[in-house]
N, C-alpha and C. Protein backbone atom coordinates (compact mmCIF):
# COMPACT_ATOMS: atom_id res chain seq x y z
N MET A 1 4.68 264.42 7.36
CA MET A 1 5.63 264.90 8.35
C MET A 1 7.01 264.89 7.72
N ALA A 2 7.75 265.95 7.89
CA ALA A 2 9.09 266.06 7.34
C ALA A 2 10.07 266.40 8.46
N GLY A 3 11.25 265.87 8.35
CA GLY A 3 12.31 266.20 9.30
C GLY A 3 13.30 267.13 8.62
N VAL A 4 13.85 268.03 9.39
CA VAL A 4 14.81 268.99 8.84
C VAL A 4 16.06 268.98 9.68
N ARG A 5 17.20 268.81 9.03
CA ARG A 5 18.49 268.89 9.72
C ARG A 5 19.08 270.24 9.35
N LEU A 6 19.24 271.11 10.33
CA LEU A 6 19.75 272.45 10.08
C LEU A 6 21.24 272.54 10.36
N PRO A 7 21.92 273.41 9.61
CA PRO A 7 23.32 273.68 9.96
C PRO A 7 23.36 274.27 11.37
N GLU A 8 24.46 274.08 12.04
CA GLU A 8 24.59 274.49 13.44
C GLU A 8 24.29 275.97 13.64
N ASP A 9 24.76 276.83 12.74
CA ASP A 9 24.55 278.26 12.92
C ASP A 9 23.06 278.62 12.84
N LEU A 10 22.33 278.00 11.91
CA LEU A 10 20.89 278.26 11.83
C LEU A 10 20.15 277.72 13.04
N ASP A 11 20.54 276.54 13.48
CA ASP A 11 19.89 275.96 14.65
C ASP A 11 20.13 276.83 15.89
N THR A 12 21.33 277.36 16.01
CA THR A 12 21.65 278.24 17.15
C THR A 12 20.79 279.50 17.11
N ARG A 13 20.70 280.10 15.92
CA ARG A 13 19.89 281.32 15.79
C ARG A 13 18.42 281.03 16.06
N LEU A 14 17.93 279.92 15.53
CA LEU A 14 16.53 279.54 15.73
C LEU A 14 16.25 279.26 17.20
N SER A 15 17.13 278.56 17.84
CA SER A 15 16.96 278.26 19.27
C SER A 15 16.94 279.53 20.10
N ALA A 16 17.82 280.48 19.77
CA ALA A 16 17.87 281.74 20.51
C ALA A 16 16.58 282.53 20.32
N LEU A 17 16.08 282.59 19.09
CA LEU A 17 14.84 283.30 18.83
C LEU A 17 13.68 282.65 19.57
N ALA A 18 13.61 281.34 19.51
CA ALA A 18 12.53 280.62 20.20
C ALA A 18 12.57 280.88 21.70
N ALA A 19 13.76 280.87 22.28
CA ALA A 19 13.88 281.10 23.73
C ALA A 19 13.47 282.53 24.09
N LYS A 20 13.89 283.50 23.28
CA LYS A 20 13.58 284.90 23.57
C LYS A 20 12.09 285.19 23.45
N THR A 21 11.41 284.51 22.55
CA THR A 21 10.00 284.82 22.28
C THR A 21 9.03 283.82 22.91
N HIS A 22 9.59 282.81 23.56
CA HIS A 22 8.76 281.77 24.20
C HIS A 22 7.86 281.06 23.19
N ARG A 23 8.40 280.87 22.00
CA ARG A 23 7.71 280.10 20.96
C ARG A 23 8.59 278.89 20.64
N SER A 24 7.99 277.91 20.00
CA SER A 24 8.78 276.71 19.66
C SER A 24 9.56 276.94 18.36
N LYS A 25 10.61 276.16 18.23
CA LYS A 25 11.36 276.19 16.98
C LYS A 25 10.46 275.75 15.82
N SER A 26 9.59 274.79 16.10
CA SER A 26 8.66 274.32 15.07
C SER A 26 7.76 275.45 14.56
N TYR A 27 7.34 276.31 15.47
CA TYR A 27 6.50 277.44 15.08
C TYR A 27 7.21 278.28 14.01
N TYR A 28 8.47 278.63 14.28
CA TYR A 28 9.21 279.48 13.34
C TYR A 28 9.53 278.74 12.04
N MET A 29 9.78 277.46 12.11
CA MET A 29 10.03 276.71 10.89
C MET A 29 8.77 276.67 10.03
N LYS A 30 7.61 276.45 10.65
CA LYS A 30 6.35 276.43 9.89
C LYS A 30 6.08 277.79 9.26
N GLU A 31 6.30 278.85 10.03
CA GLU A 31 6.09 280.21 9.50
C GLU A 31 7.01 280.49 8.32
N ALA A 32 8.28 280.14 8.45
CA ALA A 32 9.25 280.39 7.39
C ALA A 32 8.90 279.60 6.13
N ILE A 33 8.55 278.35 6.29
CA ILE A 33 8.21 277.52 5.13
C ILE A 33 6.94 278.04 4.47
N SER A 34 5.97 278.44 5.27
CA SER A 34 4.73 278.98 4.72
C SER A 34 4.98 280.23 3.89
N GLU A 35 5.78 281.15 4.42
CA GLU A 35 6.10 282.37 3.67
C GLU A 35 6.88 282.04 2.40
N TYR A 36 7.83 281.14 2.49
CA TYR A 36 8.62 280.72 1.34
C TYR A 36 7.71 280.14 0.26
N LEU A 37 6.82 279.24 0.64
CA LEU A 37 5.92 278.62 -0.33
C LEU A 37 4.99 279.65 -0.95
N ASP A 38 4.45 280.56 -0.15
CA ASP A 38 3.58 281.61 -0.70
C ASP A 38 4.32 282.40 -1.78
N GLU A 39 5.55 282.80 -1.47
CA GLU A 39 6.33 283.59 -2.41
C GLU A 39 6.63 282.81 -3.69
N TYR A 40 7.09 281.59 -3.55
CA TYR A 40 7.47 280.82 -4.73
C TYR A 40 6.27 280.34 -5.52
N GLU A 41 5.12 280.12 -4.88
CA GLU A 41 3.91 279.81 -5.64
C GLU A 41 3.49 281.01 -6.48
N ARG A 42 3.61 282.23 -5.92
CA ARG A 42 3.29 283.45 -6.69
C ARG A 42 4.25 283.61 -7.86
N ILE A 43 5.54 283.37 -7.62
CA ILE A 43 6.54 283.48 -8.68
C ILE A 43 6.24 282.47 -9.79
N TYR A 44 5.95 281.23 -9.42
CA TYR A 44 5.65 280.19 -10.39
C TYR A 44 4.40 280.56 -11.19
N GLN A 45 3.37 281.07 -10.52
CA GLN A 45 2.14 281.46 -11.20
C GLN A 45 2.41 282.58 -12.19
N ALA A 46 3.17 283.59 -11.78
CA ALA A 46 3.50 284.71 -12.67
C ALA A 46 4.30 284.22 -13.87
N ALA A 47 5.27 283.34 -13.63
CA ALA A 47 6.08 282.81 -14.74
C ALA A 47 5.21 281.99 -15.70
N SER A 48 4.29 281.22 -15.16
CA SER A 48 3.39 280.41 -15.99
C SER A 48 2.50 281.31 -16.84
N GLU A 49 1.97 282.36 -16.24
CA GLU A 49 1.11 283.30 -16.97
C GLU A 49 1.91 284.02 -18.05
N TYR A 50 3.15 284.39 -17.73
CA TYR A 50 4.02 285.04 -18.72
C TYR A 50 4.27 284.11 -19.90
N GLU A 51 4.63 282.86 -19.62
CA GLU A 51 4.93 281.91 -20.69
C GLU A 51 3.71 281.66 -21.57
N LEU A 52 2.53 281.59 -20.97
CA LEU A 52 1.30 281.40 -21.73
C LEU A 52 1.02 282.60 -22.62
N ALA A 53 1.17 283.80 -22.06
CA ALA A 53 0.95 285.02 -22.85
C ALA A 53 1.96 285.11 -23.98
N LYS A 54 3.21 284.74 -23.69
CA LYS A 54 4.26 284.74 -24.71
C LYS A 54 3.92 283.76 -25.83
N LYS A 55 3.50 282.56 -25.44
CA LYS A 55 3.15 281.52 -26.41
C LYS A 55 1.99 281.97 -27.29
N ASN A 56 1.01 282.65 -26.68
CA ASN A 56 -0.19 283.08 -27.41
C ASN A 56 -0.01 284.42 -28.11
N GLY A 57 1.17 285.04 -27.95
CA GLY A 57 1.42 286.33 -28.59
C GLY A 57 0.65 287.47 -27.94
N ASN A 58 0.35 287.34 -26.66
CA ASN A 58 -0.44 288.36 -25.95
C ASN A 58 0.38 289.22 -24.99
N LEU A 59 1.69 289.26 -25.16
CA LEU A 59 2.50 290.06 -24.24
C LEU A 59 2.37 291.53 -24.57
N GLU A 60 2.19 292.33 -23.53
CA GLU A 60 2.20 293.78 -23.71
C GLU A 60 3.57 294.27 -23.28
N THR A 61 4.15 295.14 -24.07
CA THR A 61 5.45 295.69 -23.72
C THR A 61 5.32 297.20 -23.58
N TYR A 62 6.19 297.76 -22.75
CA TYR A 62 6.17 299.19 -22.48
C TYR A 62 7.59 299.72 -22.49
N THR A 63 7.73 300.96 -22.91
CA THR A 63 9.03 301.61 -22.80
C THR A 63 9.25 302.00 -21.35
N PHE A 64 10.49 302.32 -21.02
CA PHE A 64 10.81 302.76 -19.67
C PHE A 64 10.00 304.01 -19.31
N ASP A 65 9.93 304.95 -20.24
CA ASP A 65 9.18 306.19 -20.00
C ASP A 65 7.69 305.90 -19.78
N GLU A 66 7.13 304.94 -20.54
CA GLU A 66 5.72 304.57 -20.33
C GLU A 66 5.51 303.99 -18.94
N LEU A 67 6.44 303.15 -18.49
CA LEU A 67 6.32 302.58 -17.15
C LEU A 67 6.40 303.67 -16.09
N MET A 68 7.31 304.61 -16.27
CA MET A 68 7.42 305.71 -15.31
C MET A 68 6.12 306.51 -15.27
N HIS A 69 5.57 306.80 -16.45
CA HIS A 69 4.31 307.55 -16.52
C HIS A 69 3.16 306.77 -15.87
N ARG A 70 3.05 305.49 -16.18
CA ARG A 70 1.98 304.65 -15.60
C ARG A 70 2.06 304.61 -14.08
N ASN A 71 3.29 304.68 -13.54
CA ASN A 71 3.49 304.62 -12.09
C ASN A 71 3.70 305.99 -11.45
N GLU A 72 3.45 307.03 -12.26
CA GLU A 72 3.53 308.41 -11.79
C GLU A 72 4.88 308.72 -11.15
N ILE A 73 5.94 308.33 -11.85
CA ILE A 73 7.30 308.60 -11.39
C ILE A 73 7.94 309.57 -12.37
N SER A 74 8.42 310.68 -11.87
CA SER A 74 9.09 311.64 -12.73
C SER A 74 10.58 311.32 -12.80
N HIS A 75 11.24 311.90 -13.77
CA HIS A 75 12.69 311.71 -13.88
C HIS A 75 13.39 312.30 -12.64
N ASP A 76 12.84 313.38 -12.10
CA ASP A 76 13.40 313.97 -10.88
C ASP A 76 13.25 313.01 -9.70
N ASP A 77 12.08 312.35 -9.59
CA ASP A 77 11.88 311.36 -8.53
C ASP A 77 12.89 310.23 -8.65
N LEU A 78 13.10 309.76 -9.87
CA LEU A 78 14.03 308.67 -10.11
C LEU A 78 15.45 309.10 -9.73
N ALA A 79 15.84 310.30 -10.15
CA ALA A 79 17.18 310.80 -9.82
C ALA A 79 17.37 310.91 -8.31
N ALA A 80 16.33 311.37 -7.62
CA ALA A 80 16.42 311.50 -6.15
C ALA A 80 16.60 310.13 -5.50
N GLU A 81 15.89 309.12 -5.98
CA GLU A 81 16.02 307.77 -5.42
C GLU A 81 17.41 307.21 -5.69
N ILE A 82 17.91 307.45 -6.88
CA ILE A 82 19.26 306.98 -7.20
C ILE A 82 20.28 307.64 -6.30
N ASN A 83 20.13 308.93 -6.08
CA ASN A 83 21.08 309.65 -5.22
C ASN A 83 21.03 309.18 -3.78
N LYS A 84 19.89 308.68 -3.32
CA LYS A 84 19.78 308.15 -1.95
C LYS A 84 20.65 306.91 -1.76
N THR A 85 20.82 306.16 -2.83
CA THR A 85 21.57 304.91 -2.72
C THR A 85 23.06 305.10 -2.91
N ILE A 86 23.44 306.26 -3.35
CA ILE A 86 24.88 306.52 -3.60
C ILE A 86 25.57 306.98 -2.35
């Protein structure tokens, strides 16, 4: 069992969400921690696999154009995406 002391602004937001959805604050804290752990466990696993491959000399590298081809992205598609963000 762990206790968490939240800053006032987070506690206020959490309380408001819990009241609006008729769920407990504990429910949302468990959900948030679960998602956080899932994400960081995946990141740690990927980093560990990368380091092992690097150590063993098994890293595969690709040029930018190879990555675009592998993911079926054309230069026109890339330009269009860039223009969307401008």
